[in-house]
Amino acid sequence: MTFIPFSTVKTQNLTLLLITARAIAYLAVVLFGLGCLLILVNLIISVMPPAEVEVAGTKTLMQSNGFGMALGGAVVVAASLVTFAISGACAALVSWEYNRAK
C-alpha cells in the first residue's frame, strides 16, 4: 500500500503536472488536518471554565471566544476540499493526456 496520491496515473509528457498534482494533494491533506485540529481545539476551549484574572487590584473573568477559531477551521477545511478538487483535476488532465497519446 503506497501513500502516493495518484500512484496509478501514468504520463509521457506531463510529468511536472503530475508531480504538482501530488504536491497539491499533500498540501490538501495538511490543510484538512489543520482545519480539523482548529475545530477540535475550539471544542476543548469552549468547555473550559472561565479564568479569573487580577489586573491592578481588579478581578475579572476572562472567557475565551473560540467562535473565530471554529470559523477559521471551517474555512481551512473548505479550502482543503477545493485544493483536493484542483489536485484531482490536474491528475485527470494528466491521465486524459496519457490515454490520448496511446
C-alpha atoms as a PDB file:
ATOM      1  CA  MET A   1       0.000   0.000   0.000  1.00  0.00           C
ATOM      2  CA  THR A   2       1.509   3.290  -1.067  1.00  0.00           C
ATOM      3  CA  PHE A   3       0.721   6.732   0.252  1.00  0.00           C
ATOM      4  CA  ILE A   4       1.480   8.431  -3.040  1.00  0.00           C
ATOM      5  CA  PRO A   5      -1.534  10.266  -4.436  1.00  0.00           C
ATOM      6  CA  PHE A   6      -2.472   9.233  -7.961  1.00  0.00           C
ATOM      7  CA  SER A   7       0.058   6.395  -7.955  1.00  0.00           C
ATOM      8  CA  THR A   8      -1.691   4.621 -10.830  1.00  0.00           C
ATOM      9  CA  VAL A   9      -1.682   7.660 -13.128  1.00  0.00           C
ATOM     10  CA  LYS A  10       0.973   7.453 -15.842  1.00  0.00           C
ATOM     11  CA  THR A  11       2.244  10.139 -18.171  1.00  0.00           C
ATOM     12  CA  GLN A  12       4.626  10.658 -21.031  1.00  0.00           C
ATOM     13  CA  ASN A  13       4.669  14.433 -21.437  1.00  0.00           C
ATOM     14  CA  LEU A  14       3.151  15.957 -18.318  1.00  0.00           C
ATOM     15  CA  THR A  15       5.446  14.689 -15.578  1.00  0.00           C
ATOM     16  CA  LEU A  16       5.742  18.106 -13.939  1.00  0.00           C
ATOM     17  CA  LEU A  17       1.946  18.484 -13.781  1.00  0.00           C
ATOM     18  CA  LEU A  18       1.617  15.039 -12.179  1.00  0.00           C
ATOM     19  CA  ILE A  19       4.238  15.925  -9.568  1.00  0.00           C
ATOM     20  CA  THR A  20       2.417  19.199  -8.956  1.00  0.00           C
ATOM     21  CA  ALA A  21      -0.911  17.371  -8.547  1.00  0.00           C
ATOM     22  CA  ARG A  22       0.683  15.085  -5.976  1.00  0.00           C
ATOM     23  CA  ALA A  23       2.197  18.026  -4.088  1.00  0.00           C
ATOM     24  CA  ILE A  24      -1.165  19.818  -4.088  1.00  0.00           C
ATOM     25  CA  ALA A  25      -2.823  16.650  -2.747  1.00  0.00           C
ATOM     26  CA  TYR A  26      -0.295  16.509   0.102  1.00  0.00           C
ATOM     27  CA  LEU A  27      -0.993  20.186   0.836  1.00  0.00           C
ATOM     28  CA  ALA A  28      -4.723  19.451   0.919  1.00  0.00           C
ATOM     29  CA  VAL A  29      -4.185  16.674   3.457  1.00  0.00           C
ATOM     30  CA  VAL A  30      -2.167  19.016   5.673  1.00  0.00           C
ATOM     31  CA  LEU A  31      -4.825  21.734   5.379  1.00  0.00           C
ATOM     32  CA  PHE A  32      -7.584  19.273   6.218  1.00  0.00           C
ATOM     33  CA  GLY A  33      -5.709  18.092   9.308  1.00  0.00           C
ATOM     34  CA  LEU A  34      -5.030  21.666  10.409  1.00  0.00           C
ATOM     35  CA  GLY A  35      -8.681  22.622   9.987  1.00  0.00           C
ATOM     36  CA  CYS A  36      -9.842  19.620  11.984  1.00  0.00           C
ATOM     37  CA  LEU A  37      -7.286  20.433  14.679  1.00  0.00           C
ATOM     38  CA  LEU A  38      -8.544  24.036  14.914  1.00  0.00           C
ATOM     39  CA  ILE A  39     -12.118  22.850  15.321  1.00  0.00           C
ATOM     40  CA  LEU A  40     -11.082  20.277  17.949  1.00  0.00           C
ATOM     41  CA  VAL A  41      -9.105  22.871  19.939  1.00  0.00           C
ATOM     42  CA  ASN A  42     -12.117  25.192  19.790  1.00  0.00           C
ATOM     43  CA  LEU A  43     -14.334  22.467  21.236  1.00  0.00           C
ATOM     44  CA  ILE A  44     -11.866  21.843  24.058  1.00  0.00           C
ATOM     45  CA  ILE A  45     -11.519  25.554  24.856  1.00  0.00           C
ATOM     46  CA  SER A  46     -15.266  26.123  24.821  1.00  0.00           C
ATOM     47  CA  VAL A  47     -15.902  23.594  27.628  1.00  0.00           C
ATOM     48  CA  MET A  48     -13.215  25.022  29.921  1.00  0.00           C
ATOM     49  CA  PRO A  49     -14.400  27.268  32.760  1.00  0.00           C
ATOM     50  CA  PRO A  50     -13.559  30.976  32.600  1.00  0.00           C
ATOM     51  CA  ALA A  51     -10.319  32.043  34.283  1.00  0.00           C
ATOM     52  CA  GLU A  52     -10.100  34.705  36.985  1.00  0.00           C
ATOM     53  CA  VAL A  53      -7.605  37.425  36.157  1.00  0.00           C
ATOM     54  CA  GLU A  54      -6.487  40.198  38.502  1.00  0.00           C
ATOM     55  CA  VAL A  55      -5.178  43.398  36.939  1.00  0.00           C
ATOM     56  CA  ALA A  56      -4.284  46.383  39.144  1.00  0.00           C
ATOM     57  CA  GLY A  57      -6.376  45.060  42.029  1.00  0.00           C
ATOM     58  CA  THR A  58      -9.455  44.444  39.888  1.00  0.00           C
ATOM     59  CA  LYS A  59     -10.627  40.875  39.419  1.00  0.00           C
ATOM     60  CA  THR A  60     -12.314  39.966  36.182  1.00  0.00           C
ATOM     61  CA  LEU A  61     -13.384  36.766  34.484  1.00  0.00           C
ATOM     62  CA  MET A  62     -11.655  36.018  31.234  1.00  0.00           C
ATOM     63  CA  GLN A  63     -13.725  33.956  28.852  1.00  0.00           C
ATOM     64  CA  SER A  64     -12.460  32.635  25.579  1.00  0.00           C
ATOM     65  CA  ASN A  65     -14.384  33.384  22.438  1.00  0.00           C
ATOM     66  CA  GLY A  66     -13.476  30.444  20.250  1.00  0.00           C
ATOM     67  CA  PHE A  67     -16.015  31.121  17.515  1.00  0.00           C
ATOM     68  CA  GLY A  68     -13.348  32.740  15.352  1.00  0.00           C
ATOM     69  CA  MET A  69     -11.161  29.676  15.683  1.00  0.00           C
ATOM     70  CA  ALA A  70     -14.043  27.366  14.733  1.00  0.00           C
ATOM     71  CA  LEU A  71     -14.896  29.552  11.772  1.00  0.00           C
ATOM     72  CA  GLY A  72     -11.237  29.587  10.763  1.00  0.00           C
ATOM     73  CA  GLY A  73     -11.150  25.801  10.995  1.00  0.00           C
ATOM     74  CA  ALA A  74     -14.227  25.520   8.804  1.00  0.00           C
ATOM     75  CA  VAL A  75     -12.672  27.857   6.237  1.00  0.00           C
ATOM     76  CA  VAL A  76      -9.444  25.822   6.222  1.00  0.00           C
ATOM     77  CA  VAL A  77     -11.408  22.566   5.757  1.00  0.00           C
ATOM     78  CA  ALA A  78     -13.334  24.146   2.870  1.00  0.00           C
ATOM     79  CA  ALA A  79     -10.054  25.352   1.339  1.00  0.00           C
ATOM     80  CA  SER A  80      -8.643  21.836   1.616  1.00  0.00           C
ATOM     81  CA  LEU A  81     -11.636  20.436  -0.252  1.00  0.00           C
ATOM     82  CA  VAL A  82     -11.119  22.973  -3.035  1.00  0.00           C
ATOM     83  CA  THR A  83      -7.429  22.050  -3.065  1.00  0.00           C
ATOM     84  CA  PHE A  84      -8.348  18.358  -3.373  1.00  0.00           C
ATOM     85  CA  ALA A  85     -10.575  19.216  -6.333  1.00  0.00           C
ATOM     86  CA  ILE A  86      -7.796  21.177  -8.069  1.00  0.00           C
ATOM     87  CA  SER A  87      -5.369  18.320  -7.494  1.00  0.00           C
ATOM     88  CA  GLY A  88      -7.845  15.801  -8.885  1.00  0.00           C
ATOM     89  CA  ALA A  89      -8.460  17.975 -11.942  1.00  0.00           C
ATOM     90  CA  CYS A  90      -4.714  18.149 -12.624  1.00  0.00           C
ATOM     91  CA  ALA A  91      -4.395  14.379 -12.294  1.00  0.00           C
ATOM     92  CA  ALA A  92      -7.403  13.850 -14.551  1.00  0.00           C
ATOM     93  CA  LEU A  93      -5.793  16.065 -17.179  1.00  0.00           C
ATOM     94  CA  VAL A  94      -2.577  14.040 -16.979  1.00  0.00           C
ATOM     95  CA  SER A  95      -4.486  10.772 -17.261  1.00  0.00           C
ATOM     96  CA  TRP A  96      -6.507  12.075 -20.207  1.00  0.00           C
ATOM     97  CA  GLU A  97      -3.297  13.140 -21.976  1.00  0.00           C
ATOM     98  CA  TYR A  98      -1.730   9.711 -21.439  1.00  0.00           C
ATOM     99  CA  ASN A  99      -4.799   7.905 -22.786  1.00  0.00           C
ATOM    100  CA  ARG A 100      -4.941  10.202 -25.833  1.00  0.00           C
ATOM    101  CA  ALA A 101      -1.230   9.719 -26.560  1.00  0.00           C
ATOM    102  CA  LYS A 102      -1.508   5.924 -26.713  1.00  0.00           C
END
